[in-house]
Amino acid sequence: MTINNNQLEEQTLKLDKQLKQRKREGRMGLIVIIVIAVLLAYWIRQGLSKGIILREPQGEYQAIFLTNDQIYFGRIVNQNQEEVILSDIYYFTTLRALQYNGEPKTSTDTLNTPSDTFSLIKLGSELHGPKDEMRINRNHILFIEDLKKDSKVITAIKEYKGTKKP
């Protein structure tokens, strides 16, 4: 059996076409895989940053640490990807001793002899009279901690509720 040049060229062209087709299919498959990987990475990144992975609170009260250095204590009553809803809310305020031997302190006295005391304030007693519910944007939350039953904050809340008139 002899193969002439035309048949050899036809076979070669046919094989070249098949090879080019397989390369194209391989490239397309690689491109599809890359696009899927990029989309998946983007989705995971967006999901984590928006708090899609939600965890149920483990304690009676939680501490919510915000990006503006404020800390709120309360009960998480609901949460979703965009916000955390807090009720029975308390926060710290710093009370500086404003007098030193009967005289107002200067800023240098305050820096040299800090005499900060902390007071736990129940939300709702402010001038604008907010309700005892707060919707906190997740973008402003640094982290959330569950408080132990014997924490000083819980003790102070219980003392406040014990002295509060019904």
N, C-alpha and C. Protein backbone atom coordinates (compact mmCIF):
# COMPACT_ATOMS: atom_id res chain seq x y z
N MET A 1 0.82 -1.15 0.00
CA MET A 1 0.00 0.00 0.00
C MET A 1 0.89 1.24 0.00
N THR A 2 0.61 2.10 -0.91
CA THR A 2 1.40 3.32 -1.03
C THR A 2 0.50 4.51 -0.71
N ILE A 3 1.09 5.47 -0.13
CA ILE A 3 0.38 6.71 0.21
C ILE A 3 1.01 7.79 -0.63
N ASN A 4 0.17 8.49 -1.38
CA ASN A 4 0.73 9.56 -2.19
C ASN A 4 0.80 10.84 -1.36
N ASN A 5 1.42 11.83 -1.93
CA ASN A 5 1.64 13.10 -1.23
C ASN A 5 0.33 13.81 -0.88
N ASN A 6 -0.66 13.74 -1.74
CA ASN A 6 -1.95 14.39 -1.47
C ASN A 6 -2.63 13.78 -0.25
N GLN A 7 -2.61 12.45 -0.18
CA GLN A 7 -3.23 11.79 0.96
C GLN A 7 -2.46 12.11 2.25
N LEU A 8 -1.15 12.18 2.14
CA LEU A 8 -0.32 12.52 3.29
C LEU A 8 -0.61 13.93 3.77
N GLU A 9 -0.76 14.89 2.84
CA GLU A 9 -1.09 16.26 3.19
C GLU A 9 -2.47 16.35 3.83
N GLU A 10 -3.44 15.60 3.26
CA GLU A 10 -4.78 15.60 3.81
C GLU A 10 -4.78 15.06 5.24
N GLN A 11 -4.07 13.99 5.47
CA GLN A 11 -3.98 13.41 6.80
C GLN A 11 -3.30 14.39 7.77
N THR A 12 -2.25 15.04 7.28
CA THR A 12 -1.52 16.01 8.10
C THR A 12 -2.42 17.19 8.45
N LEU A 13 -3.14 17.72 7.46
CA LEU A 13 -4.06 18.84 7.70
C LEU A 13 -5.18 18.42 8.68
N LYS A 14 -5.68 17.22 8.50
CA LYS A 14 -6.73 16.72 9.37
C LYS A 14 -6.23 16.60 10.81
N LEU A 15 -5.04 16.07 10.97
CA LEU A 15 -4.44 15.96 12.30
C LEU A 15 -4.16 17.34 12.90
N ASP A 16 -3.67 18.28 12.06
CA ASP A 16 -3.43 19.66 12.53
C ASP A 16 -4.73 20.30 13.02
N LYS A 17 -5.83 20.12 12.27
CA LYS A 17 -7.12 20.68 12.67
C LYS A 17 -7.57 20.08 14.01
N GLN A 18 -7.41 18.77 14.15
CA GLN A 18 -7.81 18.11 15.39
C GLN A 18 -6.97 18.62 16.56
N LEU A 19 -5.68 18.79 16.32
CA LEU A 19 -4.78 19.29 17.36
C LEU A 19 -5.14 20.71 17.76
N LYS A 20 -5.40 21.57 16.76
CA LYS A 20 -5.80 22.96 17.04
C LYS A 20 -7.13 23.00 17.79
N GLN A 21 -8.07 22.14 17.40
CA GLN A 21 -9.37 22.07 18.07
C GLN A 21 -9.20 21.68 19.53
N ARG A 22 -8.37 20.69 19.79
CA ARG A 22 -8.12 20.25 21.17
C ARG A 22 -7.44 21.34 21.99
N LYS A 23 -6.50 22.07 21.36
CA LYS A 23 -5.85 23.17 22.07
C LYS A 23 -6.87 24.25 22.44
N ARG A 24 -7.76 24.59 21.46
CA ARG A 24 -8.80 25.58 21.72
C ARG A 24 -9.71 25.13 22.86
N GLU A 25 -10.11 23.86 22.80
CA GLU A 25 -10.97 23.33 23.86
C GLU A 25 -10.26 23.37 25.21
N GLY A 26 -8.98 23.06 25.22
CA GLY A 26 -8.18 23.11 26.45
C GLY A 26 -8.08 24.52 26.99
N ARG A 27 -7.85 25.49 26.09
CA ARG A 27 -7.78 26.89 26.50
C ARG A 27 -9.12 27.36 27.05
N MET A 28 -10.19 27.00 26.36
CA MET A 28 -11.53 27.40 26.81
C MET A 28 -11.83 26.79 28.19
N GLY A 29 -11.46 25.55 28.37
CA GLY A 29 -11.66 24.91 29.67
C GLY A 29 -10.87 25.60 30.75
N LEU A 30 -9.63 25.98 30.45
CA LEU A 30 -8.79 26.69 31.40
C LEU A 30 -9.38 28.06 31.73
N ILE A 31 -9.87 28.76 30.71
CA ILE A 31 -10.48 30.07 30.92
C ILE A 31 -11.72 29.95 31.80
N VAL A 32 -12.55 28.94 31.53
CA VAL A 32 -13.75 28.72 32.34
C VAL A 32 -13.37 28.44 33.79
N ILE A 33 -12.36 27.61 34.01
CA ILE A 33 -11.90 27.29 35.36
C ILE A 33 -11.39 28.55 36.06
N ILE A 34 -10.62 29.38 35.37
CA ILE A 34 -10.10 30.61 35.96
C ILE A 34 -11.24 31.56 36.32
N VAL A 35 -12.21 31.72 35.41
CA VAL A 35 -13.35 32.61 35.68
C VAL A 35 -14.13 32.10 36.89
N ILE A 36 -14.38 30.82 36.97
CA ILE A 36 -15.10 30.25 38.11
C ILE A 36 -14.32 30.47 39.40
N ALA A 37 -13.00 30.27 39.36
CA ALA A 37 -12.17 30.46 40.55
C ALA A 37 -12.21 31.92 41.02
N VAL A 38 -12.13 32.85 40.07
CA VAL A 38 -12.16 34.28 40.42
C VAL A 38 -13.52 34.64 41.01
N LEU A 39 -14.61 34.18 40.39
CA LEU A 39 -15.94 34.46 40.91
C LEU A 39 -16.13 33.84 42.30
N LEU A 40 -15.66 32.64 42.49
CA LEU A 40 -15.78 31.97 43.77
C LEU A 40 -14.99 32.73 44.85
N ALA A 41 -13.78 33.15 44.53
CA ALA A 41 -12.97 33.91 45.48
C ALA A 41 -13.66 35.23 45.83
N TYR A 42 -14.21 35.91 44.83
CA TYR A 42 -14.92 37.17 45.07
C TYR A 42 -16.15 36.93 45.96
N TRP A 43 -16.91 35.89 45.67
CA TRP A 43 -18.10 35.59 46.45
C TRP A 43 -17.75 35.28 47.91
N ILE A 44 -16.71 34.49 48.11
CA ILE A 44 -16.28 34.16 49.47
C ILE A 44 -15.83 35.42 50.20
N ARG A 45 -15.04 36.23 49.53
CA ARG A 45 -14.55 37.48 50.15
C ARG A 45 -15.71 38.38 50.53
N GLN A 46 -16.65 38.58 49.63
CA GLN A 46 -17.80 39.43 49.90
C GLN A 46 -18.66 38.83 51.01
N GLY A 47 -18.83 37.54 50.95
CA GLY A 47 -19.65 36.87 51.97
C GLY A 47 -19.07 36.99 53.35
N LEU A 48 -17.77 36.81 53.49
CA LEU A 48 -17.14 36.91 54.79
C LEU A 48 -17.14 38.34 55.30
N SER A 49 -16.93 39.30 54.39
CA SER A 49 -16.91 40.69 54.84
C SER A 49 -18.29 41.18 55.23
N LYS A 50 -19.33 40.59 54.69
CA LYS A 50 -20.69 40.99 55.05
C LYS A 50 -21.25 40.13 56.17
N GLY A 51 -20.46 39.23 56.69
CA GLY A 51 -20.92 38.43 57.83
C GLY A 51 -21.92 37.36 57.47
N ILE A 52 -21.81 36.77 56.30
CA ILE A 52 -22.75 35.73 55.91
C ILE A 52 -22.64 34.54 56.86
N ILE A 53 -21.45 34.29 57.33
CA ILE A 53 -21.27 33.18 58.25
C ILE A 53 -21.65 33.70 59.64
N LEU A 54 -22.89 33.40 60.05
CA LEU A 54 -23.41 33.90 61.30
C LEU A 54 -23.31 32.82 62.37
N ARG A 55 -23.03 33.25 63.57
CA ARG A 55 -22.93 32.33 64.70
C ARG A 55 -23.93 32.78 65.75
N GLU A 56 -24.65 31.85 66.28
CA GLU A 56 -25.62 32.18 67.33
C GLU A 56 -24.87 32.59 68.59
N PRO A 57 -25.38 33.60 69.31
CA PRO A 57 -24.75 33.99 70.57
C PRO A 57 -24.75 32.84 71.56
N GLN A 58 -23.66 32.70 72.31
CA GLN A 58 -23.52 31.60 73.24
C GLN A 58 -23.81 32.01 74.67
N GLY A 59 -23.87 33.30 74.96
CA GLY A 59 -24.12 33.75 76.33
C GLY A 59 -25.39 34.57 76.41
N GLU A 60 -25.72 34.95 77.64
CA GLU A 60 -26.91 35.76 77.86
C GLU A 60 -26.71 37.16 77.28
N TYR A 61 -25.51 37.72 77.46
CA TYR A 61 -25.18 39.05 76.96
C TYR A 61 -23.93 38.99 76.09
N GLN A 62 -23.85 39.94 75.17
CA GLN A 62 -22.69 40.04 74.29
C GLN A 62 -22.11 41.46 74.40
N ALA A 63 -20.82 41.55 74.13
CA ALA A 63 -20.13 42.84 74.01
C ALA A 63 -19.89 43.06 72.52
N ILE A 64 -20.32 44.20 72.01
CA ILE A 64 -20.15 44.54 70.60
C ILE A 64 -19.11 45.65 70.53
N PHE A 65 -17.97 45.38 69.93
CA PHE A 65 -16.89 46.35 69.80
C PHE A 65 -16.98 46.99 68.41
N LEU A 66 -17.12 48.32 68.39
CA LEU A 66 -17.32 49.03 67.13
C LEU A 66 -16.04 49.70 66.65
N THR A 67 -16.03 50.07 65.40
CA THR A 67 -14.86 50.69 64.78
C THR A 67 -14.59 52.09 65.34
N ASN A 68 -15.56 52.71 66.01
CA ASN A 68 -15.35 54.04 66.59
C ASN A 68 -14.94 53.97 68.06
N ASP A 69 -14.47 52.81 68.50
CA ASP A 69 -13.98 52.56 69.85
C ASP A 69 -15.09 52.49 70.90
N GLN A 70 -16.34 52.45 70.50
CA GLN A 70 -17.41 52.28 71.46
C GLN A 70 -17.67 50.80 71.68
N ILE A 71 -18.15 50.49 72.88
CA ILE A 71 -18.50 49.12 73.22
C ILE A 71 -19.91 49.15 73.79
N TYR A 72 -20.78 48.31 73.24
CA TYR A 72 -22.14 48.18 73.75
C TYR A 72 -22.31 46.78 74.28
N PHE A 73 -23.05 46.67 75.38
CA PHE A 73 -23.35 45.39 75.99
C PHE A 73 -24.86 45.18 75.89
N GLY A 74 -25.26 44.01 75.48
CA GLY A 74 -26.68 43.74 75.37
C GLY A 74 -26.92 42.33 74.87
N ARG A 75 -28.18 42.10 74.52
CA ARG A 75 -28.58 40.79 74.02
C ARG A 75 -28.79 40.89 72.51
N ILE A 76 -28.14 40.00 71.77
CA ILE A 76 -28.39 39.94 70.33
C ILE A 76 -29.73 39.24 70.15
N VAL A 77 -30.72 39.98 69.61
CA VAL A 77 -32.04 39.39 69.42
C VAL A 77 -32.24 38.93 67.98
N ASN A 78 -31.44 39.47 67.07
CA ASN A 78 -31.53 39.07 65.67
C ASN A 78 -30.26 39.54 64.96
N GLN A 79 -29.94 38.87 63.88
CA GLN A 79 -28.79 39.28 63.07
C GLN A 79 -28.95 38.74 61.67
N ASN A 80 -28.37 39.47 60.74
CA ASN A 80 -28.36 39.02 59.35
C ASN A 80 -27.06 39.49 58.72
N GLN A 81 -26.96 39.42 57.40
CA GLN A 81 -25.72 39.76 56.72
C GLN A 81 -25.35 41.23 56.86
N GLU A 82 -26.32 42.09 57.13
CA GLU A 82 -26.06 43.52 57.13
C GLU A 82 -26.08 44.17 58.50
N GLU A 83 -26.78 43.59 59.47
CA GLU A 83 -26.89 44.24 60.76
C GLU A 83 -27.06 43.24 61.90
N VAL A 84 -26.75 43.74 63.09
CA VAL A 84 -26.97 43.00 64.32
C VAL A 84 -27.96 43.84 65.13
N ILE A 85 -29.00 43.21 65.64
CA ILE A 85 -30.00 43.93 66.43
C ILE A 85 -29.78 43.57 67.89
N LEU A 86 -29.57 44.61 68.68
CA LEU A 86 -29.23 44.46 70.09
C LEU A 86 -30.35 45.06 70.94
N SER A 87 -30.68 44.43 72.07
CA SER A 87 -31.64 44.99 73.01
C SER A 87 -31.09 44.85 74.42
N ASP A 88 -31.78 45.45 75.39
CA ASP A 88 -31.32 45.48 76.78
C ASP A 88 -29.88 45.99 76.80
N ILE A 89 -29.69 47.20 76.31
CA ILE A 89 -28.37 47.74 75.96
C ILE A 89 -27.79 48.60 77.08
N TYR A 90 -26.50 48.42 77.31
CA TYR A 90 -25.73 49.20 78.28
C TYR A 90 -24.42 49.61 77.61
N TYR A 91 -23.82 50.67 78.13
CA TYR A 91 -22.51 51.10 77.63
C TYR A 91 -21.75 51.78 78.76
N PHE A 92 -20.45 51.84 78.60
CA PHE A 92 -19.59 52.49 79.59
C PHE A 92 -19.49 53.97 79.31
N THR A 93 -19.39 54.72 80.37
CA THR A 93 -18.98 56.12 80.26
C THR A 93 -17.87 56.33 81.27
N THR A 94 -16.96 57.22 80.95
CA THR A 94 -15.84 57.52 81.83
C THR A 94 -16.16 58.79 82.60
N LEU A 95 -16.07 58.71 83.89
CA LEU A 95 -16.30 59.87 84.74
C LEU A 95 -14.96 60.31 85.32
N ARG A 96 -14.47 61.41 84.85
CA ARG A 96 -13.20 61.90 85.38
C ARG A 96 -13.47 62.79 86.58
N ALA A 97 -12.66 62.65 87.58
CA ALA A 97 -12.77 63.57 88.71
C ALA A 97 -12.40 64.95 88.20
N LEU A 98 -13.34 65.89 88.32
CA LEU A 98 -13.13 67.20 87.72
C LEU A 98 -12.44 68.18 88.66
N GLN A 99 -12.24 67.79 89.89
CA GLN A 99 -11.61 68.72 90.80
C GLN A 99 -10.41 68.09 91.47
N TYR A 100 -9.44 68.92 91.76
CA TYR A 100 -8.23 68.49 92.44
C TYR A 100 -8.00 69.51 93.53
N ASN A 101 -8.17 69.14 94.80
CA ASN A 101 -8.09 70.06 95.93
C ASN A 101 -9.04 71.24 95.76
N GLY A 102 -10.24 70.97 95.27
CA GLY A 102 -11.23 72.02 95.12
C GLY A 102 -11.07 72.86 93.87
N GLU A 103 -10.00 72.65 93.13
CA GLU A 103 -9.76 73.43 91.90
C GLU A 103 -9.97 72.53 90.69
N PRO A 104 -10.48 73.09 89.59
CA PRO A 104 -10.61 72.29 88.37
C PRO A 104 -9.25 71.80 87.89
N LYS A 105 -9.23 70.59 87.42
CA LYS A 105 -7.99 70.03 86.89
C LYS A 105 -7.66 70.65 85.54
N THR A 106 -6.39 70.80 85.27
CA THR A 106 -5.96 71.21 83.94
C THR A 106 -5.71 69.95 83.13
N SER A 107 -5.53 70.13 81.85
CA SER A 107 -5.30 68.94 81.01
C SER A 107 -4.01 68.24 81.40
N THR A 108 -2.99 69.00 81.87
CA THR A 108 -1.74 68.33 82.27
C THR A 108 -1.95 67.54 83.54
N ASP A 109 -2.80 68.06 84.48
CA ASP A 109 -3.10 67.30 85.69
C ASP A 109 -3.79 65.99 85.31
N THR A 110 -4.71 66.08 84.37
CA THR A 110 -5.45 64.90 83.95
C THR A 110 -4.52 63.86 83.34
N LEU A 111 -3.57 64.34 82.55
CA LEU A 111 -2.64 63.40 81.93
C LEU A 111 -1.70 62.78 82.95
N ASN A 112 -1.28 63.59 83.93
CA ASN A 112 -0.32 63.09 84.91
C ASN A 112 -0.97 62.20 85.96
N THR A 113 -2.18 62.50 86.34
CA THR A 113 -2.84 61.73 87.39
C THR A 113 -4.23 61.30 86.92
N PRO A 114 -4.30 60.32 86.06
CA PRO A 114 -5.62 59.91 85.59
C PRO A 114 -6.41 59.28 86.72
N SER A 115 -7.63 59.73 86.88
CA SER A 115 -8.48 59.15 87.92
C SER A 115 -9.82 58.80 87.30
N ASP A 116 -9.77 57.97 86.27
CA ASP A 116 -10.98 57.57 85.57
C ASP A 116 -11.73 56.53 86.38
N THR A 117 -13.03 56.69 86.43
CA THR A 117 -13.88 55.64 86.95
C THR A 117 -14.90 55.36 85.86
N PHE A 118 -15.32 54.12 85.79
CA PHE A 118 -16.25 53.74 84.75
C PHE A 118 -17.63 53.54 85.35
N SER A 119 -18.61 53.95 84.60
CA SER A 119 -19.98 53.77 85.01
C SER A 119 -20.73 53.12 83.87
N LEU A 120 -21.56 52.14 84.20
CA LEU A 120 -22.36 51.45 83.19
C LEU A 120 -23.69 52.18 83.07
N ILE A 121 -24.03 52.61 81.87
CA ILE A 121 -25.24 53.40 81.61
C ILE A 121 -26.23 52.55 80.82
N LYS A 122 -27.49 52.61 81.20
CA LYS A 122 -28.56 51.92 80.47
C LYS A 122 -29.00 52.81 79.33
N LEU A 123 -29.05 52.26 78.12
CA LEU A 123 -29.51 53.02 76.96
C LEU A 123 -30.97 53.38 77.14
N GLY A 124 -31.31 54.63 76.87
CA GLY A 124 -32.69 55.09 76.98
C GLY A 124 -32.81 56.29 77.89
N SER A 125 -31.80 56.52 78.72
CA SER A 125 -31.86 57.66 79.63
C SER A 125 -31.25 58.92 79.01
N GLU A 126 -30.81 58.85 77.77
CA GLU A 126 -30.20 60.00 77.10
C GLU A 126 -31.27 61.04 76.76
N LEU A 127 -30.83 62.24 76.47
CA LEU A 127 -31.70 63.37 76.19
C LEU A 127 -32.67 63.09 75.04
N HIS A 128 -32.20 62.41 74.00
CA HIS A 128 -33.05 62.15 72.84
C HIS A 128 -34.00 60.97 73.05
N GLY A 129 -33.87 60.26 74.15
CA GLY A 129 -34.80 59.20 74.52
C GLY A 129 -34.90 58.04 73.55
N PRO A 130 -33.79 57.36 73.26
CA PRO A 130 -33.86 56.23 72.32
C PRO A 130 -34.58 55.03 72.92
N LYS A 131 -35.17 54.22 72.05
CA LYS A 131 -35.75 52.95 72.48
C LYS A 131 -34.61 52.01 72.85
N ASP A 132 -34.95 50.97 73.57
CA ASP A 132 -33.93 50.01 74.01
C ASP A 132 -33.70 48.96 72.93
N GLU A 133 -33.38 49.42 71.74
CA GLU A 133 -33.04 48.53 70.63
C GLU A 133 -32.07 49.29 69.74
N MET A 134 -31.08 48.58 69.26
CA MET A 134 -30.08 49.21 68.40
C MET A 134 -29.80 48.29 67.22
N ARG A 135 -29.82 48.88 66.04
CA ARG A 135 -29.47 48.15 64.82
C ARG A 135 -28.07 48.62 64.43
N ILE A 136 -27.14 47.70 64.48
CA ILE A 136 -25.73 48.05 64.24
C ILE A 136 -25.30 47.48 62.90
N ASN A 137 -24.82 48.36 62.04
CA ASN A 137 -24.33 47.96 60.72
C ASN A 137 -23.10 47.08 60.91
N ARG A 138 -23.09 45.92 60.28
CA ARG A 138 -21.96 44.98 60.43
C ARG A 138 -20.63 45.58 59.97
N ASN A 139 -20.68 46.53 59.05
CA ASN A 139 -19.44 47.15 58.58
C ASN A 139 -18.75 47.94 59.69
N HIS A 140 -19.47 48.26 60.77
CA HIS A 140 -18.90 49.03 61.87
C HIS A 140 -18.56 48.17 63.08
N ILE A 141 -18.74 46.87 62.96
CA ILE A 141 -18.43 45.96 64.07
C ILE A 141 -17.05 45.36 63.87
N LEU A 142 -16.19 45.53 64.88
CA LEU A 142 -14.87 44.89 64.84
C LEU A 142 -15.00 43.42 65.24
N PHE A 143 -15.65 43.18 66.39
CA PHE A 143 -15.87 41.81 66.82
C PHE A 143 -16.94 41.77 67.90
N ILE A 144 -17.44 40.58 68.17
CA ILE A 144 -18.48 40.35 69.17
C ILE A 144 -17.97 39.30 70.13
N GLU A 145 -18.17 39.54 71.42
CA GLU A 145 -17.77 38.57 72.43
C GLU A 145 -18.98 38.19 73.29
N ASP A 146 -19.07 36.93 73.63
CA ASP A 146 -20.07 36.48 74.60
C ASP A 146 -19.50 36.75 76.00
N LEU A 147 -20.34 37.27 76.89
CA LEU A 147 -19.90 37.56 78.26
C LEU A 147 -20.17 36.37 79.17
N LYS A 148 -19.23 36.10 80.07
CA LYS A 148 -19.42 35.03 81.04
C LYS A 148 -20.44 35.46 82.08
N LYS A 149 -21.09 34.50 82.69
CA LYS A 149 -22.13 34.80 83.69
C LYS A 149 -21.58 35.53 84.90
N ASP A 150 -20.29 35.35 85.19
CA ASP A 150 -19.70 35.99 86.37
C ASP A 150 -18.89 37.24 86.02
N SER A 151 -19.08 37.80 84.80
CA SER A 151 -18.32 38.99 84.43
C SER A 151 -18.81 40.19 85.25
N LYS A 152 -17.94 41.17 85.42
CA LYS A 152 -18.29 42.36 86.20
C LYS A 152 -19.40 43.15 85.51
N VAL A 153 -19.45 43.11 84.19
CA VAL A 153 -20.51 43.81 83.47
C VAL A 153 -21.86 43.17 83.78
N ILE A 154 -21.93 41.85 83.75
CA ILE A 154 -23.19 41.15 84.05
C ILE A 154 -23.59 41.42 85.49
N THR A 155 -22.63 41.42 86.40
CA THR A 155 -22.92 41.71 87.80
C THR A 155 -23.51 43.11 87.93
N ALA A 156 -22.93 44.09 87.24
CA ALA A 156 -23.42 45.46 87.29
C ALA A 156 -24.83 45.56 86.68
N ILE A 157 -25.09 44.83 85.60
CA ILE A 157 -26.42 44.84 84.99
C ILE A 157 -27.44 44.25 85.97
N LYS A 158 -27.09 43.16 86.61
CA LYS A 158 -28.01 42.54 87.57
C LYS A 158 -28.27 43.47 88.75
N GLU A 159 -27.22 44.17 89.20
CA GLU A 159 -27.40 45.13 90.30
C GLU A 159 -28.33 46.26 89.85
N TYR A 160 -28.14 46.74 88.65
CA TYR A 160 -29.00 47.81 88.11
C TYR A 160 -30.45 47.34 88.06
N LYS A 161 -30.67 46.14 87.54
CA LYS A 161 -32.03 45.62 87.43
C LYS A 161 -32.64 45.36 88.80
N GLY A 162 -31.81 45.03 89.79
CA GLY A 162 -32.29 44.80 91.15
C GLY A 162 -32.73 46.08 91.83
N THR A 163 -32.07 47.19 91.52
CA THR A 163 -32.41 48.47 92.13
C THR A 163 -33.45 49.23 91.34
N LYS A 164 -33.69 48.82 90.12
CA LYS A 164 -34.65 49.49 89.25
C LYS A 164 -36.07 49.22 89.76
N LYS A 165 -36.86 50.26 89.80
CA LYS A 165 -38.25 50.11 90.25
C LYS A 165 -39.09 49.53 89.11
N PRO A 166 -39.97 48.57 89.41
CA PRO A 166 -40.80 47.97 88.36
C PRO A 166 -41.81 48.93 87.77
